[in-house]
């Protein structure tokens, strides 16, 4: 049997929800290094109009009526490739047949290929997670690829008014359609994401919790939403106060004491920072920050969740997000 040495890549297709792009980004790609391997993320190209719409990878969902000019597309999946950067020796016949030709390989060779695909497939999953994190950060769109939660009792049929004896249906509950907003990633944001990926940058940890809060609120998990938001705020505020401390050669015990400081004590003194000016005043909505802590305390100390309101939590989330991006610039993390 003839063997050949071939260069190989491992590819995975990842489904994701709520990724919208401007027209210019159809077929665009990102390239970066993950765990020492070259990784490429590709958005799908446009498909033939003969492909049924429910099978298309990109779907036109916003256009200019005059001239029917496409503006934005919904993306349903992306392709990721990991360059293994070395050759693998396989029977030449494997290049002409469908994958997993067990009859052409010895058990040891099969095990080797299983190991390569499994290892690189795991790396691909982690690389996708990193890419998604950076894309959310640079686009400020936290719901890209968000998880969807279906609670028991939700999504069923509406209520029916029935006559008691015969059971005749007299009236059906009206349908209420809830539109979920979605923002398109722009070319500028796509390029900013590539810049961050090339520099191997990671978003500050508070953005993970801000976007987690966003996702939880969208899924009506208001308790989880306020707790994630409170964590985001606390991590962010502590990073500001500890900035100068960590630059100095202070005793580790002082940092431990600082870490024990109550967040409210920090919020009450934040205006005393030497950096505080009109820009900080505009970026830091201290009234909203204290409201977040009040909600957090009621949930944590009294399990009081009845006053949580999705609209209010979205407003609070927006204030923490604005502050998070402002402090990201201040701390030199952008």
C-alpha atoms as a PDB file:
ATOM      1  CA  UNK A   1       0.000   0.000   0.000  1.00  0.00           C
ATOM      2  CA  UNK A   2       1.323   3.428  -0.973  1.00  0.00           C
ATOM      3  CA  UNK A   3       1.657   6.012   1.819  1.00  0.00           C
ATOM      4  CA  UNK A   4       1.958   9.792   1.383  1.00  0.00           C
ATOM      5  CA  UNK A   5       2.869  12.630   3.752  1.00  0.00           C
ATOM      6  CA  UNK A   6       0.138  15.277   3.737  1.00  0.00           C
ATOM      7  CA  UNK A   7      -0.246  18.623   5.470  1.00  0.00           C
ATOM      8  CA  UNK A   8      -3.494  18.691   7.395  1.00  0.00           C
ATOM      9  CA  UNK A   9      -5.888  21.003   9.184  1.00  0.00           C
ATOM     10  CA  UNK A  10      -8.639  20.248  11.668  1.00  0.00           C
ATOM     11  CA  UNK A  11     -11.902  22.032  10.947  1.00  0.00           C
ATOM     12  CA  UNK A  12     -15.052  22.455  13.003  1.00  0.00           C
ATOM     13  CA  UNK A  13     -18.324  24.193  12.228  1.00  0.00           C
ATOM     14  CA  UNK A  14     -19.875  26.025  15.161  1.00  0.00           C
ATOM     15  CA  UNK A  15     -23.537  26.958  15.298  1.00  0.00           C
ATOM     16  CA  UNK A  16     -24.333  30.238  16.999  1.00  0.00           C
ATOM     17  CA  UNK A  17     -27.364  32.416  17.505  1.00  0.00           C
ATOM     18  CA  UNK A  18     -27.918  36.148  17.120  1.00  0.00           C
ATOM     19  CA  UNK A  19     -24.854  37.089  15.111  1.00  0.00           C
ATOM     20  CA  UNK A  20     -25.740  39.785  12.604  1.00  0.00           C
ATOM     21  CA  UNK A  21     -23.251  41.437  10.283  1.00  0.00           C
ATOM     22  CA  UNK A  22     -23.115  44.282   7.839  1.00  0.00           C
ATOM     23  CA  UNK A  23     -23.068  43.344   4.163  1.00  0.00           C
ATOM     24  CA  UNK A  24     -19.344  44.019   3.837  1.00  0.00           C
ATOM     25  CA  UNK A  25     -18.546  41.202   6.292  1.00  0.00           C
ATOM     26  CA  UNK A  26     -20.133  38.339   4.336  1.00  0.00           C
ATOM     27  CA  UNK A  27     -17.364  35.753   3.916  1.00  0.00           C
ATOM     28  CA  UNK A  28     -14.958  37.712   6.168  1.00  0.00           C
ATOM     29  CA  UNK A  29     -12.384  35.949   8.340  1.00  0.00           C
ATOM     30  CA  UNK A  30     -10.207  36.354  11.411  1.00  0.00           C
ATOM     31  CA  UNK A  31      -6.740  34.846  11.866  1.00  0.00           C
ATOM     32  CA  UNK A  32      -4.958  34.439  15.199  1.00  0.00           C
ATOM     33  CA  UNK A  33      -2.781  32.158  17.308  1.00  0.00           C
ATOM     34  CA  UNK A  34      -4.347  29.931  19.958  1.00  0.00           C
ATOM     35  CA  UNK A  35      -2.229  27.645  22.132  1.00  0.00           C
ATOM     36  CA  UNK A  36       0.604  27.986  19.627  1.00  0.00           C
ATOM     37  CA  UNK A  37      -1.485  26.982  16.606  1.00  0.00           C
ATOM     38  CA  UNK A  38      -2.660  29.118  13.687  1.00  0.00           C
ATOM     39  CA  UNK A  39      -6.446  29.453  13.746  1.00  0.00           C
ATOM     40  CA  UNK A  40      -8.774  30.852  11.090  1.00  0.00           C
ATOM     41  CA  UNK A  41     -12.438  31.769  11.622  1.00  0.00           C
ATOM     42  CA  UNK A  42     -14.513  32.212   8.463  1.00  0.00           C
ATOM     43  CA  UNK A  43     -17.997  33.618   8.062  1.00  0.00           C
ATOM     44  CA  UNK A  44     -20.093  31.887   5.396  1.00  0.00           C
ATOM     45  CA  UNK A  45     -20.292  33.262   1.846  1.00  0.00           C
ATOM     46  CA  UNK A  46     -23.581  33.988   0.132  1.00  0.00           C
ATOM     47  CA  UNK A  47     -25.362  30.892  -1.130  1.00  0.00           C
ATOM     48  CA  UNK A  48     -27.354  30.165  -4.239  1.00  0.00           C
ATOM     49  CA  UNK A  49     -30.913  31.445  -3.986  1.00  0.00           C
ATOM     50  CA  UNK A  50     -32.094  27.907  -4.791  1.00  0.00           C
ATOM     51  CA  UNK A  51     -30.993  26.805  -1.303  1.00  0.00           C
ATOM     52  CA  UNK A  52     -34.098  26.750   0.968  1.00  0.00           C
ATOM     53  CA  UNK A  53     -34.019  29.683   3.381  1.00  0.00           C
ATOM     54  CA  UNK A  54     -34.165  27.411   6.446  1.00  0.00           C
ATOM     55  CA  UNK A  55     -30.968  25.710   5.233  1.00  0.00           C
ATOM     56  CA  UNK A  56     -28.950  28.837   4.452  1.00  0.00           C
ATOM     57  CA  UNK A  57     -25.936  29.724   6.554  1.00  0.00           C
ATOM     58  CA  UNK A  58     -26.447  33.467   6.045  1.00  0.00           C
ATOM     59  CA  UNK A  59     -29.873  35.055   5.703  1.00  0.00           C
ATOM     60  CA  UNK A  60     -30.615  38.565   4.499  1.00  0.00           C
ATOM     61  CA  UNK A  61     -32.851  40.176   7.124  1.00  0.00           C
ATOM     62  CA  UNK A  62     -32.447  43.925   6.575  1.00  0.00           C
ATOM     63  CA  UNK A  63     -32.408  45.824   3.326  1.00  0.00           C
ATOM     64  CA  UNK A  64     -33.125  49.228   1.826  1.00  0.00           C
ATOM     65  CA  UNK A  65     -36.492  49.125   0.106  1.00  0.00           C
ATOM     66  CA  UNK A  66     -35.460  51.496  -2.667  1.00  0.00           C
ATOM     67  CA  UNK A  67     -33.444  49.295  -4.983  1.00  0.00           C
ATOM     68  CA  UNK A  68     -33.703  46.314  -2.626  1.00  0.00           C
ATOM     69  CA  UNK A  69     -30.153  46.981  -1.360  1.00  0.00           C
ATOM     70  CA  UNK A  70     -28.961  44.415   1.248  1.00  0.00           C
ATOM     71  CA  UNK A  71     -27.811  45.947   4.554  1.00  0.00           C
ATOM     72  CA  UNK A  72     -27.479  43.210   7.176  1.00  0.00           C
ATOM     73  CA  UNK A  73     -27.336  39.425   7.332  1.00  0.00           C
ATOM     74  CA  UNK A  74     -28.047  36.901  10.069  1.00  0.00           C
ATOM     75  CA  UNK A  75     -25.195  34.369  10.404  1.00  0.00           C
ATOM     76  CA  UNK A  76     -26.158  30.887  11.602  1.00  0.00           C
ATOM     77  CA  UNK A  77     -22.717  29.261  11.852  1.00  0.00           C
ATOM     78  CA  UNK A  78     -18.998  29.824  11.351  1.00  0.00           C
ATOM     79  CA  UNK A  79     -16.136  27.592  10.238  1.00  0.00           C
ATOM     80  CA  UNK A  80     -12.960  27.296  12.279  1.00  0.00           C
ATOM     81  CA  UNK A  81      -9.708  25.727  11.074  1.00  0.00           C
ATOM     82  CA  UNK A  82      -6.642  24.785  13.101  1.00  0.00           C
ATOM     83  CA  UNK A  83      -3.402  24.395  11.153  1.00  0.00           C
ATOM     84  CA  UNK A  84      -1.578  21.367  12.586  1.00  0.00           C
ATOM     85  CA  UNK A  85       1.642  22.621  10.943  1.00  0.00           C
ATOM     86  CA  UNK A  86       3.126  19.187  10.376  1.00  0.00           C
ATOM     87  CA  UNK A  87       2.608  16.349   7.953  1.00  0.00           C
ATOM     88  CA  UNK A  88       0.731  13.154   8.708  1.00  0.00           C
ATOM     89  CA  UNK A  89       1.526   9.884   6.922  1.00  0.00           C
ATOM     90  CA  UNK A  90      -1.573   8.150   5.561  1.00  0.00           C
ATOM     91  CA  UNK A  91      -2.422   5.683   2.770  1.00  0.00           C
ATOM     92  CA  UNK A  92      -2.727   7.532  -0.535  1.00  0.00           C
ATOM     93  CA  UNK A  93      -6.108   5.870  -1.129  1.00  0.00           C
ATOM     94  CA  UNK A  94      -7.604   7.813   1.828  1.00  0.00           C
ATOM     95  CA  UNK A  95      -7.457  10.955  -0.303  1.00  0.00           C
ATOM     96  CA  UNK A  96     -10.004   9.465  -2.718  1.00  0.00           C
ATOM     97  CA  UNK A  97     -12.531   7.889  -0.342  1.00  0.00           C
ATOM     98  CA  UNK A  98     -14.929   9.171   2.345  1.00  0.00           C
ATOM     99  CA  UNK A  99     -13.408   9.653   5.835  1.00  0.00           C
ATOM    100  CA  UNK A 100     -12.794   6.909   8.413  1.00  0.00           C
ATOM    101  CA  UNK A 101     -11.644   4.165   6.085  1.00  0.00           C
ATOM    102  CA  UNK A 102     -10.850   1.731   8.909  1.00  0.00           C
ATOM    103  CA  UNK A 103      -9.911  -1.016   6.462  1.00  0.00           C
ATOM    104  CA  UNK A 104      -6.951   0.985   5.200  1.00  0.00           C
ATOM    105  CA  UNK A 105      -5.337   1.557   8.615  1.00  0.00           C
ATOM    106  CA  UNK A 106      -3.811  -0.559  11.304  1.00  0.00           C
ATOM    107  CA  UNK A 107      -5.295  -0.147  14.845  1.00  0.00           C
ATOM    108  CA  UNK A 108      -2.223   1.834  15.920  1.00  0.00           C
ATOM    109  CA  UNK A 109      -2.648   4.212  12.975  1.00  0.00           C
ATOM    110  CA  UNK A 110      -6.358   4.628  13.717  1.00  0.00           C
ATOM    111  CA  UNK A 111      -5.530   5.481  17.339  1.00  0.00           C
ATOM    112  CA  UNK A 112      -3.007   8.070  16.186  1.00  0.00           C
ATOM    113  CA  UNK A 113      -5.545   9.831  13.966  1.00  0.00           C
ATOM    114  CA  UNK A 114      -8.200   9.655  16.715  1.00  0.00           C
ATOM    115  CA  UNK A 115      -5.732  11.373  19.029  1.00  0.00           C
ATOM    116  CA  UNK A 116      -4.932  14.152  16.544  1.00  0.00           C
ATOM    117  CA  UNK A 117      -8.567  14.923  15.758  1.00  0.00           C
ATOM    118  CA  UNK A 118      -9.662  14.774  19.402  1.00  0.00           C
ATOM    119  CA  UNK A 119      -6.814  16.959  20.659  1.00  0.00           C
ATOM    120  CA  UNK A 120      -7.103  19.549  17.910  1.00  0.00           C
ATOM    121  CA  UNK A 121     -10.905  19.452  18.094  1.00  0.00           C
ATOM    122  CA  UNK A 122     -10.648  20.414  21.765  1.00  0.00           C
ATOM    123  CA  UNK A 123      -8.263  23.233  20.892  1.00  0.00           C
ATOM    124  CA  UNK A 124     -10.729  24.406  18.233  1.00  0.00           C
ATOM    125  CA  UNK A 125     -13.504  24.589  20.827  1.00  0.00           C
ATOM    126  CA  UNK A 126     -11.369  26.700  23.164  1.00  0.00           C
ATOM    127  CA  UNK A 127     -10.259  28.936  20.280  1.00  0.00           C
ATOM    128  CA  UNK A 128     -13.890  29.494  19.301  1.00  0.00           C
ATOM    129  CA  UNK A 129     -14.737  30.460  22.896  1.00  0.00           C
ATOM    130  CA  UNK A 130     -11.852  32.944  22.957  1.00  0.00           C
ATOM    131  CA  UNK A 131     -12.852  34.441  19.597  1.00  0.00           C
ATOM    132  CA  UNK A 132     -16.459  34.846  20.742  1.00  0.00           C
ATOM    133  CA  UNK A 133     -15.315  36.546  23.961  1.00  0.00           C
ATOM    134  CA  UNK A 134     -13.176  39.061  22.056  1.00  0.00           C
ATOM    135  CA  UNK A 135     -15.872  39.691  19.415  1.00  0.00           C
ATOM    136  CA  UNK A 136     -18.422  40.476  22.146  1.00  0.00           C
ATOM    137  CA  UNK A 137     -15.913  42.782  23.839  1.00  0.00           C
ATOM    138  CA  UNK A 138     -14.938  44.773  20.778  1.00  0.00           C
ATOM    139  CA  UNK A 139     -18.436  44.952  19.268  1.00  0.00           C
ATOM    140  CA  UNK A 140     -20.129  45.717  22.634  1.00  0.00           C
ATOM    141  CA  UNK A 141     -22.770  43.146  21.631  1.00  0.00           C
ATOM    142  CA  UNK A 142     -22.992  40.747  24.555  1.00  0.00           C
ATOM    143  CA  UNK A 143     -25.787  38.568  23.167  1.00  0.00           C
ATOM    144  CA  UNK A 144     -23.842  37.162  20.197  1.00  0.00           C
ATOM    145  CA  UNK A 145     -24.095  33.390  20.471  1.00  0.00           C
ATOM    146  CA  UNK A 146     -26.030  33.651  23.719  1.00  0.00           C
ATOM    147  CA  UNK A 147     -27.395  30.512  25.322  1.00  0.00           C
ATOM    148  CA  UNK A 148     -31.163  30.090  25.261  1.00  0.00           C
ATOM    149  CA  UNK A 149     -32.972  28.720  28.307  1.00  0.00           C
ATOM    150  CA  UNK A 150     -36.441  27.160  28.064  1.00  0.00           C
ATOM    151  CA  UNK A 151     -38.172  26.999  31.427  1.00  0.00           C
ATOM    152  CA  UNK A 152     -40.927  24.478  32.155  1.00  0.00           C
ATOM    153  CA  UNK A 153     -44.285  26.061  31.417  1.00  0.00           C
ATOM    154  CA  UNK A 154     -42.936  28.571  28.943  1.00  0.00           C
ATOM    155  CA  UNK A 155     -43.637  28.384  25.245  1.00  0.00           C
ATOM    156  CA  UNK A 156     -46.822  26.311  25.536  1.00  0.00           C
ATOM    157  CA  UNK A 157     -50.211  27.189  24.131  1.00  0.00           C
ATOM    158  CA  UNK A 158     -52.133  30.169  25.459  1.00  0.00           C
ATOM    159  CA  UNK A 159     -55.123  30.024  27.787  1.00  0.00           C
ATOM    160  CA  UNK A 160     -58.604  29.050  26.521  1.00  0.00           C
ATOM    161  CA  UNK A 161     -61.976  30.218  27.872  1.00  0.00           C
ATOM    162  CA  UNK A 162     -64.332  27.191  27.905  1.00  0.00           C
ATOM    163  CA  UNK A 163     -67.994  26.642  28.707  1.00  0.00           C
ATOM    164  CA  UNK A 164     -68.090  24.570  31.902  1.00  0.00           C
ATOM    165  CA  UNK A 165     -70.452  21.739  30.938  1.00  0.00           C
ATOM    166  CA  UNK A 166     -69.696  21.090  27.271  1.00  0.00           C
ATOM    167  CA  UNK A 167     -66.134  22.310  27.262  1.00  0.00           C
ATOM    168  CA  UNK A 168     -66.869  24.379  24.173  1.00  0.00           C
ATOM    169  CA  UNK A 169     -64.079  26.844  23.478  1.00  0.00           C
ATOM    170  CA  UNK A 170     -65.389  30.403  23.648  1.00  0.00           C
ATOM    171  CA  UNK A 171     -62.270  32.551  23.440  1.00  0.00           C
ATOM    172  CA  UNK A 172     -58.539  32.130  22.898  1.00  0.00           C
ATOM    173  CA  UNK A 173     -55.828  34.129  24.583  1.00  0.00           C
ATOM    174  CA  UNK A 174     -54.390  36.646  22.092  1.00  0.00           C
ATOM    175  CA  UNK A 175     -50.919  35.978  20.762  1.00  0.00           C
ATOM    176  CA  UNK A 176     -48.214  38.277  22.066  1.00  0.00           C
ATOM    177  CA  UNK A 177     -45.146  38.485  19.869  1.00  0.00           C
ATOM    178  CA  UNK A 178     -41.961  39.524  21.631  1.00  0.00           C
ATOM    179  CA  UNK A 179     -39.328  40.897  19.296  1.00  0.00           C
ATOM    180  CA  UNK A 180     -35.756  40.263  20.400  1.00  0.00           C
ATOM    181  CA  UNK A 181     -33.463  43.103  19.366  1.00  0.00           C
ATOM    182  CA  UNK A 182     -30.177  42.376  17.655  1.00  0.00           C
ATOM    183  CA  UNK A 183     -27.345  44.664  16.571  1.00  0.00           C
ATOM    184  CA  UNK A 184     -25.116  44.034  13.568  1.00  0.00           C
ATOM    185  CA  UNK A 185     -21.339  43.810  13.836  1.00  0.00           C
ATOM    186  CA  UNK A 186     -19.748  46.577  11.755  1.00  0.00           C
ATOM    187  CA  UNK A 187     -16.580  46.449   9.676  1.00  0.00           C
ATOM    188  CA  UNK A 188     -14.865  48.737  12.204  1.00  0.00           C
ATOM    189  CA  UNK A 189     -15.729  46.396  15.072  1.00  0.00           C
ATOM    190  CA  UNK A 190     -14.660  43.363  13.047  1.00  0.00           C
ATOM    191  CA  UNK A 191     -11.273  44.959  12.394  1.00  0.00           C
ATOM    192  CA  UNK A 192     -10.918  45.935  16.063  1.00  0.00           C
ATOM    193  CA  UNK A 193     -11.550  42.304  16.950  1.00  0.00           C
ATOM    194  CA  UNK A 194      -8.791  41.184  14.557  1.00  0.00           C
ATOM    195  CA  UNK A 195      -6.384  43.671  16.163  1.00  0.00           C
ATOM    196  CA  UNK A 196      -7.128  42.301  19.626  1.00  0.00           C
ATOM    197  CA  UNK A 197      -6.852  38.687  18.441  1.00  0.00           C
ATOM    198  CA  UNK A 198      -3.508  39.374  16.765  1.00  0.00           C
ATOM    199  CA  UNK A 199      -2.223  40.883  20.024  1.00  0.00           C
ATOM    200  CA  UNK A 200      -3.601  37.887  21.983  1.00  0.00           C
ATOM    201  CA  UNK A 201      -5.595  40.282  24.153  1.00  0.00           C
ATOM    202  CA  UNK A 202      -8.336  39.106  26.479  1.00  0.00           C
ATOM    203  CA  UNK A 203     -11.271  41.183  27.582  1.00  0.00           C
ATOM    204  CA  UNK A 204     -11.195  42.365  31.205  1.00  0.00           C
ATOM    205  CA  UNK A 205     -13.026  39.860  33.378  1.00  0.00           C
ATOM    206  CA  UNK A 206     -15.850  42.254  34.236  1.00  0.00           C
ATOM    207  CA  UNK A 207     -17.082  42.106  30.632  1.00  0.00           C
ATOM    208  CA  UNK A 208     -17.653  38.346  30.997  1.00  0.00           C
ATOM    209  CA  UNK A 209     -20.027  39.046  33.872  1.00  0.00           C
ATOM    210  CA  UNK A 210     -21.656  42.060  32.190  1.00  0.00           C
ATOM    211  CA  UNK A 211     -22.458  39.981  29.113  1.00  0.00           C
ATOM    212  CA  UNK A 212     -23.506  37.031  31.291  1.00  0.00           C
ATOM    213  CA  UNK A 213     -25.913  39.382  33.058  1.00  0.00           C
ATOM    214  CA  UNK A 214     -27.201  40.544  29.672  1.00  0.00           C
ATOM    215  CA  UNK A 215     -27.843  36.962  28.575  1.00  0.00           C
ATOM    216  CA  UNK A 216     -29.529  35.997  31.853  1.00  0.00           C
ATOM    217  CA  UNK A 217     -31.851  39.002  31.703  1.00  0.00           C
ATOM    218  CA  UNK A 218     -32.786  38.113  28.104  1.00  0.00           C
ATOM    219  CA  UNK A 219     -33.670  34.620  29.334  1.00  0.00           C
ATOM    220  CA  UNK A 220     -35.750  35.991  32.229  1.00  0.00           C
ATOM    221  CA  UNK A 221     -33.263  34.802  34.866  1.00  0.00           C
ATOM    222  CA  UNK A 222     -33.435  38.099  36.730  1.00  0.00           C
ATOM    223  CA  UNK A 223     -31.884  36.747  39.921  1.00  0.00           C
ATOM    224  CA  UNK A 224     -28.847  35.492  38.041  1.00  0.00           C
ATOM    225  CA  UNK A 225     -28.818  38.720  36.031  1.00  0.00           C
ATOM    226  CA  UNK A 226     -28.469  41.007  39.051  1.00  0.00           C
ATOM    227  CA  UNK A 227     -25.895  38.771  40.747  1.00  0.00           C
ATOM    228  CA  UNK A 228     -23.692  38.673  37.629  1.00  0.00           C
ATOM    229  CA  UNK A 229     -24.035  42.435  37.275  1.00  0.00           C
ATOM    230  CA  UNK A 230     -23.016  42.983  40.902  1.00  0.00           C
ATOM    231  CA  UNK A 231     -19.949  40.781  40.400  1.00  0.00           C
ATOM    232  CA  UNK A 232     -19.008  42.748  37.275  1.00  0.00           C
ATOM    233  CA  UNK A 233     -19.274  46.041  39.134  1.00  0.00           C
ATOM    234  CA  UNK A 234     -17.270  44.838  42.124  1.00  0.00           C
ATOM    235  CA  UNK A 235     -14.433  43.363  40.051  1.00  0.00           C
ATOM    236  CA  UNK A 236     -14.253  46.540  37.991  1.00  0.00           C
ATOM    237  CA  UNK A 237     -14.187  48.911  40.977  1.00  0.00           C
ATOM    238  CA  UNK A 238     -11.562  46.847  42.801  1.00  0.00           C
ATOM    239  CA  UNK A 239      -9.361  46.855  39.682  1.00  0.00           C
ATOM    240  CA  UNK A 240      -9.432  50.657  39.695  1.00  0.00           C
ATOM    241  CA  UNK A 241      -8.477  50.982  43.349  1.00  0.00           C
ATOM    242  CA  UNK A 242      -5.790  48.310  43.197  1.00  0.00           C
ATOM    243  CA  UNK A 243      -4.177  49.735  40.036  1.00  0.00           C
ATOM    244  CA  UNK A 244      -1.595  51.863  41.818  1.00  0.00           C
ATOM    245  CA  UNK A 245      -1.170  49.440  44.717  1.00  0.00           C
ATOM    246  CA  UNK A 246      -0.128  46.619  42.438  1.00  0.00           C
ATOM    247  CA  UNK A 247       2.384  48.847  40.647  1.00  0.00           C
ATOM    248  CA  UNK A 248       4.187  49.462  43.928  1.00  0.00           C
ATOM    249  CA  UNK A 249       6.236  46.987  45.934  1.00  0.00           C
ATOM    250  CA  UNK A 250       3.767  46.852  48.827  1.00  0.00           C
ATOM    251  CA  UNK A 251       3.525  44.082  51.372  1.00  0.00           C
ATOM    252  CA  UNK A 252       1.211  41.300  50.123  1.00  0.00           C
ATOM    253  CA  UNK A 253      -0.707  41.567  53.390  1.00  0.00           C
ATOM    254  CA  UNK A 254      -1.791  45.085  52.423  1.00  0.00           C
ATOM    255  CA  UNK A 255      -3.368  43.730  49.261  1.00  0.00           C
ATOM    256  CA  UNK A 256      -5.121  41.089  51.354  1.00  0.00           C
ATOM    257  CA  UNK A 257      -6.508  43.785  53.647  1.00  0.00           C
ATOM    258  CA  UNK A 258      -7.632  45.794  50.628  1.00  0.00           C
ATOM    259  CA  UNK A 259      -9.409  42.734  49.215  1.00  0.00           C
ATOM    260  CA  UNK A 260     -11.448  42.546  52.439  1.00  0.00           C
ATOM    261  CA  UNK A 261     -12.691  46.119  52.044  1.00  0.00           C
ATOM    262  CA  UNK A 262     -16.453  46.388  51.570  1.00  0.00           C
ATOM    263  CA  UNK A 263     -17.496  47.469  48.066  1.00  0.00           C
ATOM    264  CA  UNK A 264     -19.795  50.167  49.407  1.00  0.00           C
ATOM    265  CA  UNK A 265     -16.836  51.666  51.252  1.00  0.00           C
ATOM    266  CA  UNK A 266     -14.982  51.861  47.944  1.00  0.00           C
ATOM    267  CA  UNK A 267     -17.966  53.375  46.111  1.00  0.00           C
ATOM    268  CA  UNK A 268     -18.368  55.997  48.847  1.00  0.00           C
ATOM    269  CA  UNK A 269     -14.731  57.031  48.383  1.00  0.00           C
ATOM    270  CA  UNK A 270     -14.336  56.682  44.647  1.00  0.00           C
ATOM    271  CA  UNK A 271     -14.586  60.447  44.108  1.00  0.00           C
ATOM    272  CA  UNK A 272     -11.447  60.872  46.190  1.00  0.00           C
ATOM    273  CA  UNK A 273      -9.315  59.195  43.537  1.00  0.00           C
ATOM    274  CA  UNK A 274      -6.713  61.600  42.185  1.00  0.00           C
ATOM    275  CA  UNK A 275      -7.828  60.725  38.652  1.00  0.00           C
ATOM    276  CA  UNK A 276     -11.434  61.771  39.299  1.00  0.00           C
ATOM    277  CA  UNK A 277     -12.593  64.518  36.930  1.00  0.00           C
ATOM    278  CA  UNK A 278     -15.600  65.483  34.823  1.00  0.00           C
ATOM    279  CA  UNK A 279     -15.129  62.479  32.515  1.00  0.00           C
ATOM    280  CA  UNK A 280     -15.239  60.115  35.494  1.00  0.00           C
ATOM    281  CA  UNK A 281     -18.291  61.955  36.787  1.00  0.00           C
ATOM    282  CA  UNK A 282     -20.122  61.300  33.528  1.00  0.00           C
ATOM    283  CA  UNK A 283     -19.021  57.663  33.225  1.00  0.00           C
ATOM    284  CA  UNK A 284     -19.734  56.581  36.815  1.00  0.00           C
ATOM    285  CA  UNK A 285     -23.444  56.491  37.641  1.00  0.00           C
ATOM    286  CA  UNK A 286     -22.958  56.072  41.391  1.00  0.00           C
ATOM    287  CA  UNK A 287     -26.687  56.186  42.104  1.00  0.00           C
ATOM    288  CA  UNK A 288     -27.255  53.195  39.801  1.00  0.00           C
ATOM    289  CA  UNK A 289     -24.246  51.394  41.282  1.00  0.00           C
ATOM    290  CA  UNK A 290     -25.732  51.688  44.766  1.00  0.00           C
ATOM    291  CA  UNK A 291     -29.083  50.486  43.416  1.00  0.00           C
ATOM    292  CA  UNK A 292     -27.330  47.378  42.070  1.00  0.00           C
ATOM    293  CA  UNK A 293     -25.813  46.734  45.496  1.00  0.00           C
ATOM    294  CA  UNK A 294     -29.211  47.180  47.160  1.00  0.00           C
ATOM    295  CA  UNK A 295     -30.736  44.581  44.835  1.00  0.00           C
ATOM    296  CA  UNK A 296     -27.769  42.282  45.380  1.00  0.00           C
ATOM    297  CA  UNK A 297     -28.023  42.558  49.167  1.00  0.00           C
ATOM    298  CA  UNK A 298     -31.759  41.834  49.156  1.00  0.00           C
ATOM    299  CA  UNK A 299     -31.204  38.732  47.025  1.00  0.00           C
ATOM    300  CA  UNK A 300     -28.205  37.471  48.980  1.00  0.00           C
ATOM    301  CA  UNK A 301     -29.370  38.282  52.504  1.00  0.00           C
ATOM    302  CA  UNK A 302     -33.143  37.900  52.286  1.00  0.00           C
ATOM    303  CA  UNK A 303     -33.728  35.908  49.075  1.00  0.00           C
ATOM    304  CA  UNK A 304     -35.951  38.817  48.014  1.00  0.00           C
ATOM    305  CA  UNK A 305     -36.390  38.644  44.248  1.00  0.00           C
ATOM    306  CA  UNK A 306     -39.955  39.871  43.755  1.00  0.00           C
ATOM    307  CA  UNK A 307     -38.963  43.456  42.976  1.00  0.00           C
ATOM    308  CA  UNK A 308     -36.564  42.590  40.181  1.00  0.00           C
ATOM    309  CA  UNK A 309     -37.681  44.090  36.869  1.00  0.00           C
ATOM    310  CA  UNK A 310     -36.170  43.253  33.481  1.00  0.00           C
ATOM    311  CA  UNK A 311     -36.445  46.794  32.118  1.00  0.00           C
ATOM    312  CA  UNK A 312     -34.722  48.245  35.179  1.00  0.00           C
ATOM    313  CA  UNK A 313     -31.993  45.591  35.091  1.00  0.00           C
ATOM    314  CA  UNK A 314     -31.277  46.371  31.438  1.00  0.00           C
ATOM    315  CA  UNK A 315     -30.864  50.032  32.371  1.00  0.00           C
ATOM    316  CA  UNK A 316     -28.501  49.143  35.205  1.00  0.00           C
ATOM    317  CA  UNK A 317     -26.591  46.783  32.913  1.00  0.00           C
ATOM    318  CA  UNK A 318     -26.073  49.631  30.449  1.00  0.00           C
ATOM    319  CA  UNK A 319     -24.586  51.875  33.163  1.00  0.00           C
ATOM    320  CA  UNK A 320     -22.112  49.197  34.273  1.00  0.00           C
ATOM    321  CA  UNK A 321     -21.188  48.448  30.656  1.00  0.00           C
ATOM    322  CA  UNK A 322     -20.493  52.126  29.914  1.00  0.00           C
ATOM    323  CA  UNK A 323     -18.358  52.379  33.050  1.00  0.00           C
ATOM    324  CA  UNK A 324     -16.568  49.146  32.155  1.00  0.00           C
ATOM    325  CA  UNK A 325     -15.472  50.458  28.740  1.00  0.00           C
ATOM    326  CA  UNK A 326     -14.417  53.790  30.246  1.00  0.00           C
ATOM    327  CA  UNK A 327     -12.232  52.147  32.896  1.00  0.00           C
ATOM    328  CA  UNK A 328     -10.873  49.689  30.319  1.00  0.00           C
ATOM    329  CA  UNK A 329      -9.339  52.689  28.517  1.00  0.00           C
ATOM    330  CA  UNK A 330      -8.120  54.191  31.812  1.00  0.00           C
ATOM    331  CA  UNK A 331      -6.401  50.967  32.859  1.00  0.00           C
ATOM    332  CA  UNK A 332      -4.788  50.546  29.429  1.00  0.00           C
ATOM    333  CA  UNK A 333      -6.558  47.245  28.737  1.00  0.00           C
ATOM    334  CA  UNK A 334      -8.083  48.115  25.376  1.00  0.00           C
END
